[in-house]
Protein backbone atom coordinates (compact mmCIF):
# COMPACT_ATOMS: atom_id res chain seq x y z
CA MET A 1 70.55 109.96 86.85
CA GLN A 2 73.86 109.73 85.03
CA PRO A 3 75.08 106.57 83.25
CA VAL A 4 77.95 104.69 84.91
CA PRO A 5 78.50 101.68 82.60
CA HIS A 6 81.98 100.87 83.97
CA LEU A 7 80.59 100.55 87.48
CA GLU A 8 77.95 98.19 86.11
CA SER A 9 80.59 96.01 84.45
CA CYS A 10 82.74 96.05 87.59
CA LEU A 11 79.87 94.87 89.81
CA ARG A 12 78.92 92.09 87.43
CA LEU A 13 82.48 90.84 87.06
CA ALA A 14 83.11 90.91 90.83
CA PHE A 15 79.92 88.93 91.53
CA GLU A 16 80.21 86.37 88.75
CA VAL A 17 83.67 85.17 89.80
CA ARG A 18 82.14 83.91 93.07
CA ASP A 19 82.82 80.41 94.35
CA SER A 20 81.06 78.03 96.72
CA ALA A 21 82.93 79.41 99.73
CA HIS A 22 82.25 83.04 98.77
CA PRO A 23 78.85 83.17 97.02
CA SER A 24 78.76 87.00 97.01
CA GLY A 25 81.95 87.33 94.95
CA ILE A 26 84.81 89.79 95.51
CA SER A 27 84.47 92.61 98.06
CA LEU A 28 86.03 95.53 96.17
CA ALA A 29 85.92 97.84 99.18
CA SER A 30 88.15 95.45 101.16
CA TYR A 31 91.07 96.49 98.95
CA PHE A 32 90.86 100.09 100.18
CA VAL A 33 92.80 99.61 103.41
CA ARG A 34 91.88 102.01 106.22
CA ALA A 35 94.11 103.48 108.92
CA PRO A 36 93.43 103.14 112.69
CA THR A 37 90.42 105.20 113.73
CA ARG A 38 91.98 106.70 116.90
CA GLY A 39 88.85 105.90 118.85
CA ARG A 40 86.40 107.17 116.25
CA ARG A 41 83.75 104.71 115.15
CA ARG A 42 83.36 104.35 111.41
CA SER A 43 79.84 103.27 110.64
CA ASP A 44 79.21 100.35 108.32
CA LEU A 45 76.22 99.97 106.04
CA ASP A 46 72.81 100.11 107.74
CA PRO A 47 70.62 97.38 106.16
CA GLU A 48 67.44 99.33 106.95
CA LEU A 49 68.71 102.29 104.92
CA VAL A 50 70.21 100.27 102.09
CA PHE A 51 67.15 98.00 101.85
CA PRO A 52 64.01 99.95 102.90
CA ARG A 53 60.89 97.91 103.72
CA ALA A 54 59.15 99.19 100.60
CA LEU A 55 61.67 97.20 98.57
CA ARG A 56 60.11 93.90 99.72
CA LEU A 57 63.23 91.91 98.93
CA ASP A 58 63.77 88.45 100.39
CA GLN A 59 65.33 88.87 103.83
CA GLY A 60 67.50 85.79 103.37
CA ALA A 61 69.07 87.32 100.27
CA ILE A 62 69.73 90.57 102.15
CA ALA A 63 71.30 88.72 105.08
CA ARG A 64 73.53 86.80 102.69
CA ALA A 65 74.72 89.96 100.93
CA MET A 66 75.41 91.70 104.27
CA ASP A 67 77.33 88.74 105.71
CA PRO A 68 81.09 89.49 105.41
CA SER A 69 81.92 85.76 105.31
CA THR A 70 80.15 85.38 101.93
CA TRP A 71 82.62 87.77 100.28
CA ARG A 72 86.15 87.11 99.06
CA THR A 73 88.22 89.87 100.62
CA CYS A 74 91.73 91.31 100.27
CA PRO A 75 94.06 88.43 101.31
CA SER A 76 96.91 90.57 102.68
CA PRO A 77 95.81 94.07 103.70
CA ARG A 78 98.55 96.54 104.58
CA PRO A 79 97.88 99.39 107.05
CA LYS A 80 97.82 102.61 105.08
CA GLU A 81 96.96 106.16 106.03
CA PRO A 82 93.81 106.69 103.96
CA LEU A 83 94.59 110.05 102.40
CA ALA A 84 92.59 110.98 99.33
CA THR A 85 95.57 110.54 97.05
CA ARG A 86 95.64 109.05 93.58
CA GLU A 87 98.34 106.67 94.83
CA TRP A 88 96.01 105.25 97.52
CA LEU A 89 93.31 104.60 94.92
CA ALA A 90 95.77 103.06 92.46
CA GLU A 91 97.19 100.80 95.19
CA ALA A 92 93.75 99.26 95.69
CA ALA A 93 93.49 98.40 91.99
CA LEU A 94 97.03 96.99 91.93
CA ALA A 95 96.38 94.82 95.01
CA LEU A 96 93.17 93.59 93.39
CA GLY A 97 95.10 92.74 90.22
CA LYS A 98 97.63 90.68 92.19
CA ALA A 99 94.91 88.62 93.87
CA GLU A 100 92.22 88.41 91.18
CA GLY A 101 93.89 89.11 87.83
CA LEU A 102 94.37 92.00 85.42
CA GLU A 103 90.80 92.00 84.11
CA MET A 104 89.51 92.79 87.58
CA MET A 105 92.18 95.47 88.05
CA TRP A 106 91.27 97.25 84.81
CA SER A 107 87.60 97.04 85.72
CA LEU A 108 88.16 98.76 89.06
CA LEU A 109 90.37 101.43 87.45
CA HIS A 110 87.65 102.13 84.90
CA ALA A 111 84.97 102.34 87.60
CA THR A 112 87.07 104.63 89.82
CA SER A 113 87.87 106.99 86.94
CA GLU A 114 84.19 107.00 85.97
CA LEU A 115 83.09 107.84 89.53
CA GLU A 116 85.49 110.78 89.58
CA SER A 117 84.05 112.11 86.31
CA THR A 118 80.54 111.64 87.69
CA ALA A 119 81.48 113.47 90.89
CA GLN A 120 82.84 116.37 88.86
CA ARG A 121 79.57 116.61 86.94
CA ILE A 122 77.59 116.54 90.20
CA LEU A 123 79.67 119.39 91.56
CA GLY A 124 78.73 121.39 88.49
CA PRO A 125 80.47 122.18 85.21
CA ARG A 126 80.95 125.81 86.23
CA ALA A 127 82.78 125.06 89.48
CA PRO A 128 86.38 126.35 89.35
CA ARG A 129 89.01 123.64 88.95
CA ALA A 130 90.61 124.62 92.28
CA VAL A 131 87.30 124.08 94.09
CA ILE A 132 86.79 120.68 92.44
CA ARG A 133 90.30 119.58 93.48
CA GLN A 134 89.62 120.64 97.07
CA VAL A 135 86.28 118.86 97.27
CA LEU A 136 87.38 115.66 95.54
CA HIS A 137 90.98 115.30 96.68
CA GLY A 138 91.54 117.80 99.51
CA VAL A 139 94.31 119.58 97.58
CA ASP A 140 95.44 122.78 99.34
CA ALA A 141 92.33 122.89 101.50
CA ARG A 142 93.30 123.35 105.14
CA THR A 143 89.76 123.34 106.51
CA LEU A 144 88.80 119.88 105.21
CA ARG A 145 88.81 117.01 107.70
CA ALA A 146 88.51 113.67 105.86
CA GLU A 147 89.32 111.91 102.61
CA PRO A 148 86.81 113.34 100.11
CA PHE A 149 86.85 111.34 96.88
CA ALA A 150 88.31 108.20 98.46
CA ALA A 151 85.55 108.05 101.08
CA PHE A 152 82.96 108.69 98.37
CA ALA A 153 84.30 105.96 96.06
CA VAL A 154 84.48 103.34 98.83
CA ARG A 155 80.96 104.13 100.06
CA VAL A 156 79.52 103.89 96.56
CA LEU A 157 81.23 100.52 96.01
CA LYS A 158 79.94 99.17 99.34
CA ILE A 159 76.33 100.22 98.72
CA ALA A 160 76.33 99.18 95.06
CA GLN A 161 77.82 95.74 95.77
CA ALA A 162 75.45 95.05 98.68
CA VAL A 163 72.37 95.87 96.61
CA TYR A 164 73.61 94.06 93.52
CA ALA A 165 74.54 90.88 95.43
CA ALA A 166 71.24 90.84 97.37
CA PHE A 167 69.19 90.98 94.17
CA ARG A 168 71.31 88.30 92.49
CA HIS A 169 70.95 86.08 95.58
CA ALA A 170 67.18 86.62 95.38
CA GLY A 171 67.20 85.10 91.88
CA PHE A 172 67.14 88.27 89.77
CA ALA A 173 69.16 88.52 86.55
CA HIS A 174 71.94 91.06 86.06
CA GLU A 175 69.71 93.64 84.39
CA ALA A 176 67.23 93.73 87.30
CA ALA A 177 70.02 93.82 89.90
CA TRP A 178 71.73 96.71 88.11
CA ALA A 179 68.42 98.60 87.85
CA ALA A 180 68.07 98.23 91.65
CA VAL A 181 71.59 99.63 92.14
CA GLN A 182 70.82 102.63 89.95
CA ASP A 183 67.60 103.25 91.89
CA ARG A 184 69.48 103.01 95.20
CA LEU A 185 72.23 105.42 94.11
CA TRP A 186 70.06 108.07 92.49
CA ALA A 187 66.60 107.96 94.12
CA PRO A 188 66.11 109.72 97.49
CA TYR A 189 65.81 107.51 100.57
CA PRO A 190 65.41 108.29 104.30
CA THR A 191 68.79 108.90 105.91
CA GLY A 192 67.73 107.98 109.45
CA ARG A 193 67.89 111.63 110.51
CA ARG A 194 65.27 114.31 110.98
CA THR A 195 64.98 117.78 109.51
CA ALA A 196 64.59 120.87 111.72
CA ALA A 197 60.80 120.53 111.30
CA GLY A 198 60.88 116.92 112.52
CA ALA A 199 60.26 115.26 109.16
CA LYS A 200 62.41 112.41 107.90
CA ALA A 201 65.46 113.69 106.05
CA MET A 202 65.87 112.36 102.55
CA GLY A 203 69.17 111.60 100.91
CA ALA A 204 71.96 109.00 101.21
CA TYR A 205 71.90 108.65 97.41
CA LEU A 206 74.91 109.35 95.24
CA PRO A 207 74.92 113.20 95.23
CA SER A 208 74.45 113.38 99.00
CA LEU A 209 77.20 110.78 99.48
CA LEU A 210 79.55 113.15 97.66
CA GLN A 211 78.46 116.08 99.82
CA ALA A 212 79.01 114.02 102.98
CA ALA A 213 82.47 112.93 101.83
CA SER A 214 83.58 116.47 100.98
CA GLY A 215 82.04 117.87 104.16
CA ASN A 216 84.13 115.49 106.28
CA ALA A 217 87.39 116.04 104.44
CA ARG A 218 90.74 116.32 106.22
CA ARG A 219 91.58 119.40 108.36
CA ARG A 220 94.96 119.59 106.77
CA LEU A 221 96.97 117.54 104.31
CA ARG A 222 99.98 115.77 105.73
CA ARG A 223 102.93 116.35 103.48
CA ASN A 224 106.10 114.45 104.19
CA THR A 225 109.11 116.41 102.98
CA GLU A 226 110.98 113.35 101.75
CA ALA A 227 107.91 111.96 99.98
CA ARG A 228 107.43 115.32 98.30
CA ARG A 229 111.05 115.37 97.19
CA THR A 230 110.90 111.91 95.68
CA GLN A 231 107.64 112.77 93.92
CA ASP A 232 109.34 115.80 92.38
CA ASP A 233 112.21 113.53 91.30
CA ALA A 234 109.67 111.14 89.72
CA ARG A 235 108.17 114.02 87.74
CA ALA A 236 111.67 115.06 86.63
CA LEU A 237 112.31 111.48 85.44
CA LEU A 238 109.12 111.54 83.36
CA ALA A 239 110.04 114.91 81.87
CA ARG A 240 113.51 113.63 80.90
CA PHE A 241 112.02 110.59 79.20
CA ALA A 242 109.48 112.73 77.33
CA GLY A 243 112.39 114.54 75.68
CA ALA A 244 114.53 111.46 75.03
CA ASN A 245 112.77 110.32 71.81
CA LEU A 246 112.54 106.68 72.91
CA TRP A 247 108.82 105.95 72.42
CA PRO A 248 108.56 102.55 70.71
CA TRP A 249 105.03 102.59 69.23
CA ILE A 250 104.96 104.95 66.26
CA ALA A 251 102.48 104.88 63.38
CA ALA A 252 103.53 105.16 59.75
CA ASP A 253 102.63 108.86 59.71
CA GLY A 254 104.83 109.57 62.73
CA ARG A 255 102.06 109.79 65.34
CA LEU A 256 102.74 108.21 68.72
CA LEU A 257 100.45 105.32 69.62
CA PRO A 258 98.04 104.90 71.31
CA GLN A 259 97.52 108.58 72.13
CA GLY A 260 97.74 109.69 68.48
CA GLU A 261 99.86 112.78 69.20
CA THR A 262 103.12 113.96 67.67
CA ALA A 263 104.84 114.85 70.97
CA LEU A 264 105.14 112.72 74.10
CA GLN A 265 103.77 114.20 77.33
CA PRO A 266 105.17 113.32 80.79
CA ALA A 267 101.75 111.97 81.81
CA MET A 268 101.90 109.38 79.02
CA ALA A 269 105.44 108.46 80.09
CA GLY A 270 104.11 107.71 83.58
CA LEU A 271 101.40 105.44 82.17
CA CYS A 272 103.99 103.65 80.03
CA PHE A 273 106.37 103.05 82.94
CA PHE A 274 103.51 101.74 85.11
CA VAL A 275 102.67 99.17 82.42
CA MET A 276 106.35 98.19 81.95
CA LEU A 277 107.13 97.83 85.65
CA THR A 278 103.95 95.99 86.66
CA HIS A 279 104.52 93.62 83.73
CA THR A 280 108.01 92.67 84.83
CA ALA A 281 106.84 92.34 88.47
CA SER A 282 104.02 90.06 87.31
CA GLU A 283 106.44 87.92 85.29
CA ARG A 284 108.76 87.48 88.27
CA ARG A 285 105.86 86.40 90.46
CA SER A 286 104.24 84.03 87.99
CA ARG A 287 107.47 82.40 86.84
CA GLY A 288 109.02 81.95 90.28
CA GLY A 289 111.55 84.78 90.10
CA PRO A 290 114.37 85.48 87.62
CA ALA A 291 115.32 81.78 87.62
CA GLY A 292 111.97 81.11 85.96
CA GLY A 293 112.94 83.39 83.10
CA LEU A 294 111.83 86.92 82.25
CA SER A 295 110.92 88.03 78.74
CA PRO A 296 114.27 88.37 76.93
CA MET A 297 114.00 92.15 76.50
CA PHE A 298 113.35 92.69 80.22
CA ALA A 299 116.09 90.24 81.25
CA GLU A 300 118.68 91.87 78.95
CA ALA A 301 117.76 95.33 80.30
CA GLY A 302 118.65 94.22 83.84
CA PHE A 303 115.23 93.66 85.42
CA GLY A 304 116.32 90.23 86.63
CA ALA A 305 118.62 91.87 89.23
CA ALA A 306 117.90 91.39 92.92
CA GLU A 307 117.01 95.08 93.30
CA TRP A 308 113.91 94.65 91.13
CA LEU A 309 111.92 92.51 93.53
CA PRO A 310 108.23 92.45 92.52
CA ASP A 311 106.86 94.40 95.50
CA ARG A 312 109.50 97.11 95.20
CA THR A 313 108.95 97.29 91.45
CA ASP A 314 105.20 97.69 91.98
CA ASP A 315 105.81 100.47 94.53
CA LEU A 316 107.97 102.33 92.02
CA ALA A 317 105.36 101.80 89.31
CA LEU A 318 102.73 103.42 91.54
CA ARG A 319 105.04 106.32 92.35
CA LEU A 320 105.62 107.06 88.67
CA LEU A 321 101.93 106.59 87.84
CA THR A 322 100.79 109.04 90.51
CA ALA A 323 103.47 111.55 89.53
CA ALA A 324 101.82 111.56 86.10
CA GLY A 325 98.33 112.34 87.51
CA MET A 326 95.03 110.46 87.72
CA PRO A 327 95.40 107.33 85.58
CA ASP A 328 93.46 107.13 82.33
CA ALA A 329 92.17 103.55 82.55
CA GLU A 330 91.46 103.21 78.83
CA MET A 331 94.94 104.47 77.84
CA LEU A 332 96.54 102.16 80.41
CA GLU A 333 94.70 99.20 78.92
CA GLU A 334 95.73 100.15 75.37
CA LEU A 335 99.37 100.49 76.40
CA SER A 336 99.21 97.10 78.10
CA SER A 337 97.83 95.56 74.91
CA LEU A 338 100.59 97.19 72.83
CA LEU A 339 103.26 95.82 75.17
CA ARG A 340 101.85 92.27 75.06
CA ALA A 341 101.61 92.43 71.26
CA THR A 342 105.22 93.66 71.02
CA LEU A 343 106.47 90.82 73.22
CA SER A 344 104.53 88.27 71.16
CA SER A 345 105.62 86.81 67.82
CA ARG A 346 102.89 88.60 65.87
CA ARG A 347 104.20 90.12 62.65
CA ASP A 348 103.27 93.70 61.96
CA GLU A 349 105.26 96.60 60.52
CA MET A 350 104.56 98.91 63.48
CA LEU A 351 105.25 96.13 66.01
CA ASP A 352 108.50 95.23 64.26
CA ARG A 353 109.67 98.83 64.65
CA ALA A 354 108.59 98.76 68.29
CA ARG A 355 110.58 95.55 68.94
CA ALA A 356 113.70 97.29 67.68
CA ARG A 357 113.16 100.34 69.93
CA LEU A 358 111.77 98.69 73.08
CA PRO A 359 115.12 97.32 74.39
CA VAL A 360 116.58 100.84 74.35
CA LEU A 361 113.59 102.15 76.33
CA LEU A 362 113.86 99.34 78.89
CA ARG A 363 117.59 99.93 79.41
CA TRP A 364 116.91 103.66 79.87
CA LEU A 365 114.18 102.93 82.41
CA GLU A 366 116.29 100.43 84.37
CA GLU A 367 119.27 102.78 84.57
CA ASN A 368 117.38 106.00 85.32
CA ALA A 369 114.75 104.59 87.69
CA ARG A 370 117.24 102.69 89.85
CA GLU A 371 117.91 105.74 92.05
CA LEU A 372 114.20 106.09 92.80
CA LEU A 373 113.94 102.33 93.38
CA GLU A 374 116.67 102.49 96.04
CA ARG A 375 114.64 105.02 98.03
CA ASN A 376 111.79 102.54 98.60
């Protein structure tokens, strides 16, 4: 058993924001939109496998947790080809943030990043990086037939939330419900199949879920030439910014905050732009558009223009984030905190320097990212 504290926090937060109409809380898996199945039947959770008879849990609590109407689901799902891309995973967190708030978004990002690290450890520390990328994300693997890590992450969320909600509905406290989730994910259970000798097959716990996901990965990755070209352009934009010496948050000793390095990497630029763009999109939504007033620095940089509609801005933010690689949830959260502190009236020597440099960064971003924005 490996510790997954971020998954624990995510489950608790999603359940405890429940309301009278949705007593099971937020269905996280509903934010991972699936494509048409082309006639193939995708199986849902089997209550008999998730809740074996030996568990002796109240059947009413199980029925309540398995009832889709007791969950608050994604309010506006968009059809999306469910490739195992970082963008697809990030889109789920962003959609969750729009509907349920930033705290829920960060929680899901943390849990997703943690599940990927756990999956890498399950695959083995000695596995070559190329093999891990093929198994988790289907990168350059032409014999894979499904979405490896994405399918794994969604299945884990479904099972974990069902078990957690059932135990909470049965009157158990958080600690007991989380212990049941850990037992369900790591202890062997009957899979409903038989071995060659006729005995019940054991599995359907977290390591076997990963094996099933990677075994059903996609036959070939679909690469759209135009999408590839714009992704390359996004990487070029990040590289240009990394060499432009515009980073606003600098410590007294010259180190760049929050990463604590002396040189800016393109990956950190992508995280920064994601925070900047999602912030301005959030302001436009919450304040009723530019007429409601953006933060002065964003308004003066040109983000009040009609081109920067919130949905288009979010799409560009995702494109730049995924061009930078798998998001580091903790670094994203720290950057978001730095931005909010800079936009506040809090007095601090480092923040004062950042306030002087931030307008230049925002103007650079608005001018240089506009070409990518127009390709949405």
